[in-house]
């Protein structure tokens, strides 16, 4: 791993550019805050859908399925059917 030389604005602490480290940490913290906000927004939408009578477990499953391509979904469904048949669930 290569390190870039500290700039004039960075204080060197133990061989680390403290300013750059602080910048990385602060950027990550901001993104974590945004992520928490987005998660809260998603939770609100699920609550709204539930209030309208939709089954949120099914909505979550649909979202999961939409992330996959057709072939991947088909293979998963075939395997699920095979497992169900093996367990006598048909």
PDB file of N, CA and C in Angstrom:
ATOM      1  N   UNK A   1       0.851  -1.163   0.000  1.00  0.00           N
ATOM      2  CA  UNK A   1       0.000   0.000   0.000  1.00  0.00           C
ATOM      3  C   UNK A   1       0.894   1.222   0.000  1.00  0.00           C
ATOM      4  N   UNK A   2       0.603   2.137  -0.874  1.00  0.00           N
ATOM      5  CA  UNK A   2       1.412   3.354  -0.944  1.00  0.00           C
ATOM      6  C   UNK A   2       0.684   4.484  -0.252  1.00  0.00           C
ATOM      7  N   UNK A   3       1.443   5.316   0.399  1.00  0.00           N
ATOM      8  CA  UNK A   3       0.878   6.494   1.055  1.00  0.00           C
ATOM      9  C   UNK A   3       1.314   7.710   0.279  1.00  0.00           C
ATOM     10  N   UNK A   4       0.389   8.668   0.182  1.00  0.00           N
ATOM     11  CA  UNK A   4       0.767   9.924  -0.447  1.00  0.00           C
ATOM     12  C   UNK A   4       1.429  10.791   0.601  1.00  0.00           C
ATOM     13  N   UNK A   5       2.283  11.654   0.160  1.00  0.00           N
ATOM     14  CA  UNK A   5       2.986  12.540   1.086  1.00  0.00           C
ATOM     15  C   UNK A   5       1.994  13.521   1.687  1.00  0.00           C
ATOM     16  N   UNK A   6       2.082  13.774   2.986  1.00  0.00           N
ATOM     17  CA  UNK A   6       1.176  14.726   3.623  1.00  0.00           C
ATOM     18  C   UNK A   6       1.337  16.105   3.011  1.00  0.00           C
ATOM     19  N   UNK A   7       0.237  16.820   2.907  1.00  0.00           N
ATOM     20  CA  UNK A   7       0.295  18.184   2.394  1.00  0.00           C
ATOM     21  C   UNK A   7       0.626  19.125   3.529  1.00  0.00           C
ATOM     22  N   UNK A   8       0.813  20.380   3.199  1.00  0.00           N
ATOM     23  CA  UNK A   8       1.181  21.376   4.206  1.00  0.00           C
ATOM     24  C   UNK A   8       0.078  21.537   5.247  1.00  0.00           C
ATOM     25  N   UNK A   9      -1.175  21.220   4.883  1.00  0.00           N
ATOM     26  CA  UNK A   9      -2.275  21.385   5.831  1.00  0.00           C
ATOM     27  C   UNK A   9      -2.453  20.167   6.724  1.00  0.00           C
ATOM     28  N   UNK A  10      -1.810  19.058   6.400  1.00  0.00           N
ATOM     29  CA  UNK A  10      -1.915  17.839   7.200  1.00  0.00           C
ATOM     30  C   UNK A  10      -0.835  17.826   8.267  1.00  0.00           C
ATOM     31  N   UNK A  11      -1.242  17.476   9.484  1.00  0.00           N
ATOM     32  CA  UNK A  11      -0.217  17.262  10.504  1.00  0.00           C
ATOM     33  C   UNK A  11       0.129  15.783  10.482  1.00  0.00           C
ATOM     34  N   UNK A  12       1.385  15.486  10.570  1.00  0.00           N
ATOM     35  CA  UNK A  12       1.860  14.114  10.503  1.00  0.00           C
ATOM     36  C   UNK A  12       1.901  13.545  11.916  1.00  0.00           C
ATOM     37  N   UNK A  13       1.088  12.519  12.155  1.00  0.00           N
ATOM     38  CA  UNK A  13       1.033  11.888  13.469  1.00  0.00           C
ATOM     39  C   UNK A  13       1.339  10.412  13.277  1.00  0.00           C
ATOM     40  N   UNK A  14       2.458   9.977  13.791  1.00  0.00           N
ATOM     41  CA  UNK A  14       2.826   8.572  13.674  1.00  0.00           C
ATOM     42  C   UNK A  14       2.916   8.101  12.245  1.00  0.00           C
ATOM     43  N   UNK A  15       3.314   8.959  11.347  1.00  0.00           N
ATOM     44  CA  UNK A  15       3.442   8.571   9.947  1.00  0.00           C
ATOM     45  C   UNK A  15       2.142   8.684   9.175  1.00  0.00           C
ATOM     46  N   UNK A  16       1.073   9.154   9.817  1.00  0.00           N
ATOM     47  CA  UNK A  16      -0.218   9.303   9.146  1.00  0.00           C
ATOM     48  C   UNK A  16      -0.520  10.766   8.889  1.00  0.00           C
ATOM     49  N   UNK A  17      -1.158  11.026   7.797  1.00  0.00           N
ATOM     50  CA  UNK A  17      -1.613  12.376   7.502  1.00  0.00           C
ATOM     51  C   UNK A  17      -2.951  12.555   8.217  1.00  0.00           C
ATOM     52  N   UNK A  18      -2.923  13.184   9.379  1.00  0.00           N
ATOM     53  CA  UNK A  18      -4.106  13.307  10.230  1.00  0.00           C
ATOM     54  C   UNK A  18      -5.253  14.016   9.519  1.00  0.00           C
ATOM     55  N   UNK A  19      -4.958  15.021   8.718  1.00  0.00           N
ATOM     56  CA  UNK A  19      -6.008  15.746   8.006  1.00  0.00           C
ATOM     57  C   UNK A  19      -6.753  14.863   7.026  1.00  0.00           C
ATOM     58  N   UNK A  20      -6.015  14.038   6.301  1.00  0.00           N
ATOM     59  CA  UNK A  20      -6.652  13.126   5.346  1.00  0.00           C
ATOM     60  C   UNK A  20      -7.482  12.077   6.072  1.00  0.00           C
ATOM     61  N   UNK A  21      -6.939  11.554   7.165  1.00  0.00           N
ATOM     62  CA  UNK A  21      -7.672  10.565   7.956  1.00  0.00           C
ATOM     63  C   UNK A  21      -8.973  11.165   8.473  1.00  0.00           C
ATOM     64  N   UNK A  22      -8.890  12.375   8.997  1.00  0.00           N
ATOM     65  CA  UNK A  22     -10.082  13.046   9.517  1.00  0.00           C
ATOM     66  C   UNK A  22     -11.107  13.241   8.407  1.00  0.00           C
ATOM     67  N   UNK A  23     -10.647  13.603   7.213  1.00  0.00           N
ATOM     68  CA  UNK A  23     -11.539  13.790   6.077  1.00  0.00           C
ATOM     69  C   UNK A  23     -12.274  12.495   5.727  1.00  0.00           C
ATOM     70  N   UNK A  24     -11.533  11.376   5.686  1.00  0.00           N
ATOM     71  CA  UNK A  24     -12.168  10.083   5.405  1.00  0.00           C
ATOM     72  C   UNK A  24     -13.221   9.754   6.457  1.00  0.00           C
ATOM     73  N   UNK A  25     -12.866   9.910   7.717  1.00  0.00           N
ATOM     74  CA  UNK A  25     -13.785   9.588   8.813  1.00  0.00           C
ATOM     75  C   UNK A  25     -15.040  10.455   8.728  1.00  0.00           C
ATOM     76  N   UNK A  26     -14.879  11.744   8.495  1.00  0.00           N
ATOM     77  CA  UNK A  26     -16.028  12.642   8.422  1.00  0.00           C
ATOM     78  C   UNK A  26     -16.919  12.321   7.233  1.00  0.00           C
ATOM     79  N   UNK A  27     -16.333  11.959   6.093  1.00  0.00           N
ATOM     80  CA  UNK A  27     -17.131  11.573   4.924  1.00  0.00           C
ATOM     81  C   UNK A  27     -17.931  10.312   5.207  1.00  0.00           C
ATOM     82  N   UNK A  28     -17.296   9.349   5.851  1.00  0.00           N
ATOM     83  CA  UNK A  28     -17.994   8.106   6.193  1.00  0.00           C
ATOM     84  C   UNK A  28     -19.128   8.397   7.174  1.00  0.00           C
ATOM     85  N   UNK A  29     -18.868   9.241   8.158  1.00  0.00           N
ATOM     86  CA  UNK A  29     -19.910   9.585   9.134  1.00  0.00           C
ATOM     87  C   UNK A  29     -21.111  10.255   8.457  1.00  0.00           C
ATOM     88  N   UNK A  30     -20.862  11.157   7.512  1.00  0.00           N
ATOM     89  CA  UNK A  30     -21.955  11.818   6.789  1.00  0.00           C
ATOM     90  C   UNK A  30     -22.777  10.797   6.010  1.00  0.00           C
ATOM     91  N   UNK A  31     -22.090   9.873   5.340  1.00  0.00           N
ATOM     92  CA  UNK A  31     -22.807   8.849   4.576  1.00  0.00           C
ATOM     93  C   UNK A  31     -23.600   7.920   5.479  1.00  0.00           C
ATOM     94  N   UNK A  32     -23.057   7.596   6.645  1.00  0.00           N
ATOM     95  CA  UNK A  32     -23.795   6.769   7.607  1.00  0.00           C
ATOM     96  C   UNK A  32     -25.071   7.473   8.061  1.00  0.00           C
ATOM     97  N   UNK A  33     -24.993   8.793   8.275  1.00  0.00           N
ATOM     98  CA  UNK A  33     -26.181   9.568   8.645  1.00  0.00           C
ATOM     99  C   UNK A  33     -27.211   9.540   7.527  1.00  0.00           C
ATOM    100  N   UNK A  34     -26.752   9.716   6.291  1.00  0.00           N
ATOM    101  CA  UNK A  34     -27.650   9.666   5.140  1.00  0.00           C
ATOM    102  C   UNK A  34     -28.295   8.289   5.024  1.00  0.00           C
ATOM    103  N   UNK A  35     -27.495   7.244   5.242  1.00  0.00           N
ATOM    104  CA  UNK A  35     -27.999   5.872   5.158  1.00  0.00           C
ATOM    105  C   UNK A  35     -29.093   5.645   6.194  1.00  0.00           C
ATOM    106  N   UNK A  36     -28.885   6.163   7.410  1.00  0.00           N
ATOM    107  CA  UNK A  36     -29.891   6.014   8.467  1.00  0.00           C
ATOM    108  C   UNK A  36     -31.175   6.752   8.080  1.00  0.00           C
ATOM    109  N   UNK A  37     -31.023   7.920   7.477  1.00  0.00           N
ATOM    110  CA  UNK A  37     -32.194   8.673   7.031  1.00  0.00           C
ATOM    111  C   UNK A  37     -32.957   7.939   5.945  1.00  0.00           C
ATOM    112  N   UNK A  38     -32.233   7.363   5.012  1.00  0.00           N
ATOM    113  CA  UNK A  38     -32.868   6.605   3.928  1.00  0.00           C
ATOM    114  C   UNK A  38     -33.569   5.369   4.483  1.00  0.00           C
ATOM    115  N   UNK A  39     -32.928   4.686   5.434  1.00  0.00           N
ATOM    116  CA  UNK A  39     -33.550   3.503   6.056  1.00  0.00           C
ATOM    117  C   UNK A  39     -34.857   3.890   6.750  1.00  0.00           C
ATOM    118  N   UNK A  40     -34.872   5.047   7.405  1.00  0.00           N
ATOM    119  CA  UNK A  40     -36.092   5.515   8.071  1.00  0.00           C
ATOM    120  C   UNK A  40     -37.174   5.823   7.034  1.00  0.00           C
ATOM    121  N   UNK A  41     -36.776   6.413   5.904  1.00  0.00           N
ATOM    122  CA  UNK A  41     -37.738   6.701   4.835  1.00  0.00           C
ATOM    123  C   UNK A  41     -38.337   5.417   4.277  1.00  0.00           C
ATOM    124  N   UNK A  42     -37.503   4.410   4.080  1.00  0.00           N
ATOM    125  CA  UNK A  42     -37.981   3.121   3.569  1.00  0.00           C
ATOM    126  C   UNK A  42     -38.954   2.493   4.559  1.00  0.00           C
ATOM    127  N   UNK A  43     -38.625   2.557   5.840  1.00  0.00           N
ATOM    128  CA  UNK A  43     -39.513   2.014   6.880  1.00  0.00           C
ATOM    129  C   UNK A  43     -40.865   2.724   6.844  1.00  0.00           C
ATOM    130  N   UNK A  44     -40.850   4.038   6.650  1.00  0.00           N
ATOM    131  CA  UNK A  44     -42.099   4.800   6.559  1.00  0.00           C
ATOM    132  C   UNK A  44     -42.942   4.349   5.370  1.00  0.00           C
ATOM    133  N   UNK A  45     -42.296   4.072   4.240  1.00  0.00           N
ATOM    134  CA  UNK A  45     -43.027   3.625   3.055  1.00  0.00           C
ATOM    135  C   UNK A  45     -43.656   2.257   3.293  1.00  0.00           C
ATOM    136  N   UNK A  46     -42.909   1.356   3.943  1.00  0.00           N
ATOM    137  CA  UNK A  46     -43.495   0.049   4.275  1.00  0.00           C
ATOM    138  C   UNK A  46     -44.693   0.214   5.206  1.00  0.00           C
ATOM    139  N   UNK A  47     -44.592   1.113   6.173  1.00  0.00           N
ATOM    140  CA  UNK A  47     -45.709   1.360   7.087  1.00  0.00           C
ATOM    141  C   UNK A  47     -46.921   1.908   6.333  1.00  0.00           C
ATOM    142  N   UNK A  48     -46.655   2.798   5.402  1.00  0.00           N
ATOM    143  CA  UNK A  48     -47.732   3.361   4.580  1.00  0.00           C
ATOM    144  C   UNK A  48     -48.405   2.264   3.758  1.00  0.00           C
ATOM    145  N   UNK A  49     -47.590   1.403   3.144  1.00  0.00           N
ATOM    146  CA  UNK A  49     -48.140   0.302   2.347  1.00  0.00           C
ATOM    147  C   UNK A  49     -48.974  -0.628   3.222  1.00  0.00           C
ATOM    148  N   UNK A  50     -48.478  -0.927   4.421  1.00  0.00           N
ATOM    149  CA  UNK A  50     -49.212  -1.793   5.347  1.00  0.00           C
ATOM    150  C   UNK A  50     -50.538  -1.147   5.724  1.00  0.00           C
ATOM    151  N   UNK A  51     -50.510   0.152   5.943  1.00  0.00           N
ATOM    152  CA  UNK A  51     -51.733   0.878   6.270  1.00  0.00           C
ATOM    153  C   UNK A  51     -52.763   0.844   5.148  1.00  0.00           C
ATOM    154  N   UNK A  52     -52.292   0.676   3.924  1.00  0.00           N
ATOM    155  CA  UNK A  52     -53.180   0.576   2.769  1.00  0.00           C
ATOM    156  C   UNK A  52     -53.622  -0.863   2.513  1.00  0.00           C
ATOM    157  N   UNK A  53     -53.185  -1.798   3.378  1.00  0.00           N
ATOM    158  CA  UNK A  53     -53.632  -3.181   3.266  1.00  0.00           C
ATOM    159  C   UNK A  53     -52.694  -4.111   2.517  1.00  0.00           C
ATOM    160  N   UNK A  54     -51.519  -3.635   2.150  1.00  0.00           N
ATOM    161  CA  UNK A  54     -50.566  -4.498   1.450  1.00  0.00           C
ATOM    162  C   UNK A  54     -49.750  -5.307   2.445  1.00  0.00           C
ATOM    163  N   UNK A  55     -49.356  -6.513   2.043  1.00  0.00           N
ATOM    164  CA  UNK A  55     -48.524  -7.389   2.865  1.00  0.00           C
ATOM    165  C   UNK A  55     -47.066  -7.003   2.633  1.00  0.00           C
ATOM    166  N   UNK A  56     -46.423  -6.464   3.665  1.00  0.00           N
ATOM    167  CA  UNK A  56     -45.057  -5.960   3.493  1.00  0.00           C
ATOM    168  C   UNK A  56     -44.037  -7.072   3.293  1.00  0.00           C
ATOM    169  N   UNK A  57     -44.304  -8.266   3.798  1.00  0.00           N
ATOM    170  CA  UNK A  57     -43.389  -9.389   3.540  1.00  0.00           C
ATOM    171  C   UNK A  57     -43.346  -9.700   2.055  1.00  0.00           C
ATOM    172  N   UNK A  58     -44.506  -9.639   1.426  1.00  0.00           N
ATOM    173  CA  UNK A  58     -44.589  -9.928  -0.003  1.00  0.00           C
ATOM    174  C   UNK A  58     -43.923  -8.801  -0.794  1.00  0.00           C
ATOM    175  N   UNK A  59     -44.116  -7.563  -0.373  1.00  0.00           N
ATOM    176  CA  UNK A  59     -43.461  -6.440  -1.053  1.00  0.00           C
ATOM    177  C   UNK A  59     -41.945  -6.604  -0.973  1.00  0.00           C
ATOM    178  N   UNK A  60     -41.439  -6.983   0.196  1.00  0.00           N
ATOM    179  CA  UNK A  60     -39.991  -7.197   0.350  1.00  0.00           C
ATOM    180  C   UNK A  60     -39.507  -8.309  -0.580  1.00  0.00           C
ATOM    181  N   UNK A  61     -40.291  -9.367  -0.694  1.00  0.00           N
ATOM    182  CA  UNK A  61     -39.933 -10.478  -1.574  1.00  0.00           C
ATOM    183  C   UNK A  61     -39.918 -10.022  -3.031  1.00  0.00           C
ATOM    184  N   UNK A  62     -40.919  -9.241  -3.420  1.00  0.00           N
ATOM    185  CA  UNK A  62     -40.980  -8.727  -4.786  1.00  0.00           C
ATOM    186  C   UNK A  62     -39.758  -7.861  -5.085  1.00  0.00           C
ATOM    187  N   UNK A  63     -39.385  -7.003  -4.150  1.00  0.00           N
ATOM    188  CA  UNK A  63     -38.207  -6.146  -4.344  1.00  0.00           C
ATOM    189  C   UNK A  63     -36.963  -7.003  -4.503  1.00  0.00           C
ATOM    190  N   UNK A  64     -36.849  -8.051  -3.685  1.00  0.00           N
ATOM    191  CA  UNK A  64     -35.713  -8.964  -3.787  1.00  0.00           C
ATOM    192  C   UNK A  64     -35.678  -9.647  -5.152  1.00  0.00           C
ATOM    193  N   UNK A  65     -36.833 -10.090  -5.621  1.00  0.00           N
ATOM    194  CA  UNK A  65     -36.910 -10.768  -6.915  1.00  0.00           C
ATOM    195  C   UNK A  65     -36.582  -9.823  -8.070  1.00  0.00           C
ATOM    196  N   UNK A  66     -37.006  -8.576  -7.970  1.00  0.00           N
ATOM    197  CA  UNK A  66     -36.752  -7.611  -9.047  1.00  0.00           C
ATOM    198  C   UNK A  66     -35.278  -7.284  -9.198  1.00  0.00           C
ATOM    199  N   UNK A  67     -34.489  -7.534  -8.162  1.00  0.00           N
ATOM    200  CA  UNK A  67     -33.048  -7.292  -8.232  1.00  0.00           C
ATOM    201  C   UNK A  67     -32.325  -8.368  -9.048  1.00  0.00           C
ATOM    202  N   UNK A  68     -32.998  -9.500  -9.258  1.00  0.00           N
ATOM    203  CA  UNK A  68     -32.386 -10.627  -9.957  1.00  0.00           C
ATOM    204  C   UNK A  68     -32.824 -10.645 -11.410  1.00  0.00           C
ATOM    205  N   UNK A  69     -31.985 -11.217 -12.269  1.00  0.00           N
ATOM    206  CA  UNK A  69     -32.396 -11.350 -13.658  1.00  0.00           C
ATOM    207  C   UNK A  69     -33.331 -12.557 -13.802  1.00  0.00           C
ATOM    208  N   UNK A  70     -33.977 -12.631 -14.943  1.00  0.00           N
ATOM    209  CA  UNK A  70     -34.992 -13.665 -15.185  1.00  0.00           C
ATOM    210  C   UNK A  70     -34.439 -15.076 -14.970  1.00  0.00           C
ATOM    211  N   UNK A  71     -33.254 -15.354 -15.487  1.00  0.00           N
ATOM    212  CA  UNK A  71     -32.680 -16.688 -15.373  1.00  0.00           C
ATOM    213  C   UNK A  71     -32.393 -17.043 -13.916  1.00  0.00           C
ATOM    214  N   UNK A  72     -31.852 -16.099 -13.171  1.00  0.00           N
ATOM    215  CA  UNK A  72     -31.557 -16.342 -11.759  1.00  0.00           C
ATOM    216  C   UNK A  72     -32.850 -16.616 -10.978  1.00  0.00           C
ATOM    217  N   UNK A  73     -33.915 -15.849 -11.277  1.00  0.00           N
ATOM    218  CA  UNK A  73     -35.208 -16.070 -10.613  1.00  0.00           C
ATOM    219  C   UNK A  73     -35.754 -17.445 -10.954  1.00  0.00           C
ATOM    220  N   UNK A  74     -35.651 -17.817 -12.229  1.00  0.00           N
ATOM    221  CA  UNK A  74     -36.184 -19.103 -12.670  1.00  0.00           C
ATOM    222  C   UNK A  74     -35.447 -20.256 -11.997  1.00  0.00           C
ATOM    223  N   UNK A  75     -34.118 -20.171 -11.942  1.00  0.00           N
ATOM    224  CA  UNK A  75     -33.341 -21.226 -11.290  1.00  0.00           C
ATOM    225  C   UNK A  75     -33.704 -21.343  -9.815  1.00  0.00           C
ATOM    226  N   UNK A  76     -33.883 -20.205  -9.144  1.00  0.00           N
ATOM    227  CA  UNK A  76     -34.250 -20.210  -7.729  1.00  0.00           C
ATOM    228  C   UNK A  76     -35.632 -20.836  -7.522  1.00  0.00           C
ATOM    229  N   UNK A  77     -36.577 -20.484  -8.386  1.00  0.00           N
ATOM    230  CA  UNK A  77     -37.926 -21.033  -8.279  1.00  0.00           C
ATOM    231  C   UNK A  77     -37.928 -22.542  -8.519  1.00  0.00           C
ATOM    232  N   UNK A  78     -37.158 -23.009  -9.497  1.00  0.00           N
ATOM    233  CA  UNK A  78     -37.082 -24.443  -9.774  1.00  0.00           C
ATOM    234  C   UNK A  78     -36.474 -25.191  -8.588  1.00  0.00           C
ATOM    235  N   UNK A  79     -35.444 -24.640  -8.006  1.00  0.00           N
ATOM    236  CA  UNK A  79     -34.812 -25.272  -6.857  1.00  0.00           C
ATOM    237  C   UNK A  79     -35.763 -25.283  -5.660  1.00  0.00           C
ATOM    238  N   UNK A  80     -36.488 -24.198  -5.469  1.00  0.00           N
ATOM    239  CA  UNK A  80     -37.472 -24.132  -4.387  1.00  0.00           C
ATOM    240  C   UNK A  80     -38.533 -25.218  -4.571  1.00  0.00           C
ATOM    241  N   UNK A  81     -39.031 -25.373  -5.797  1.00  0.00           N
ATOM    242  CA  UNK A  81     -40.031 -26.402  -6.076  1.00  0.00           C
ATOM    243  C   UNK A  81     -39.463 -27.802  -5.820  1.00  0.00           C
ATOM    244  N   UNK A  82     -38.220 -28.031  -6.209  1.00  0.00           N
ATOM    245  CA  UNK A  82     -37.575 -29.320  -5.987  1.00  0.00           C
ATOM    246  C   UNK A  82     -37.473 -29.607  -4.486  1.00  0.00           C
ATOM    247  N   UNK A  83     -37.038 -28.648  -3.714  1.00  0.00           N
ATOM    248  CA  UNK A  83     -36.904 -28.818  -2.263  1.00  0.00           C
ATOM    249  C   UNK A  83     -38.274 -29.060  -1.622  1.00  0.00           C
ATOM    250  N   UNK A  84     -39.279 -28.309  -2.058  1.00  0.00           N
ATOM    251  CA  UNK A  84     -40.611 -28.493  -1.509  1.00  0.00           C
ATOM    252  C   UNK A  84     -41.133 -29.899  -1.802  1.00  0.00           C
ATOM    253  N   UNK A  85     -40.894 -30.372  -3.014  1.00  0.00           N
ATOM    254  CA  UNK A  85     -41.335 -31.721  -3.395  1.00  0.00           C
ATOM    255  C   UNK A  85     -40.602 -32.773  -2.555  1.00  0.00           C
ATOM    256  N   UNK A  86     -39.317 -32.555  -2.330  1.00  0.00           N
ATOM    257  CA  UNK A  86     -38.527 -33.506  -1.531  1.00  0.00           C
ATOM    258  C   UNK A  86     -39.028 -33.577  -0.096  1.00  0.00           C
ATOM    259  N   UNK A  87     -39.610 -32.475   0.377  1.00  0.00           N
ATOM    260  CA  UNK A  87     -40.114 -32.428   1.762  1.00  0.00           C
ATOM    261  C   UNK A  87     -41.609 -32.729   1.833  1.00  0.00           C
ATOM    262  N   UNK A  88     -42.213 -33.094   0.699  1.00  0.00           N
ATOM    263  CA  UNK A  88     -43.627 -33.436   0.673  1.00  0.00           C
ATOM    264  C   UNK A  88     -44.541 -32.231   0.875  1.00  0.00           C
ATOM    265  N   UNK A  89     -44.111 -31.088   0.447  1.00  0.00           N
ATOM    266  CA  UNK A  89     -44.892 -29.864   0.643  1.00  0.00           C
ATOM    267  C   UNK A  89     -45.756 -29.517  -0.548  1.00  0.00           C
ATOM    268  N   UNK A  90     -45.775 -30.349  -1.569  1.00  0.00           N
ATOM    269  CA  UNK A  90     -46.555 -30.078  -2.779  1.00  0.00           C
ATOM    270  C   UNK A  90     -47.989 -30.444  -2.606  1.00  0.00           C
TER     271      UNK A  90
END
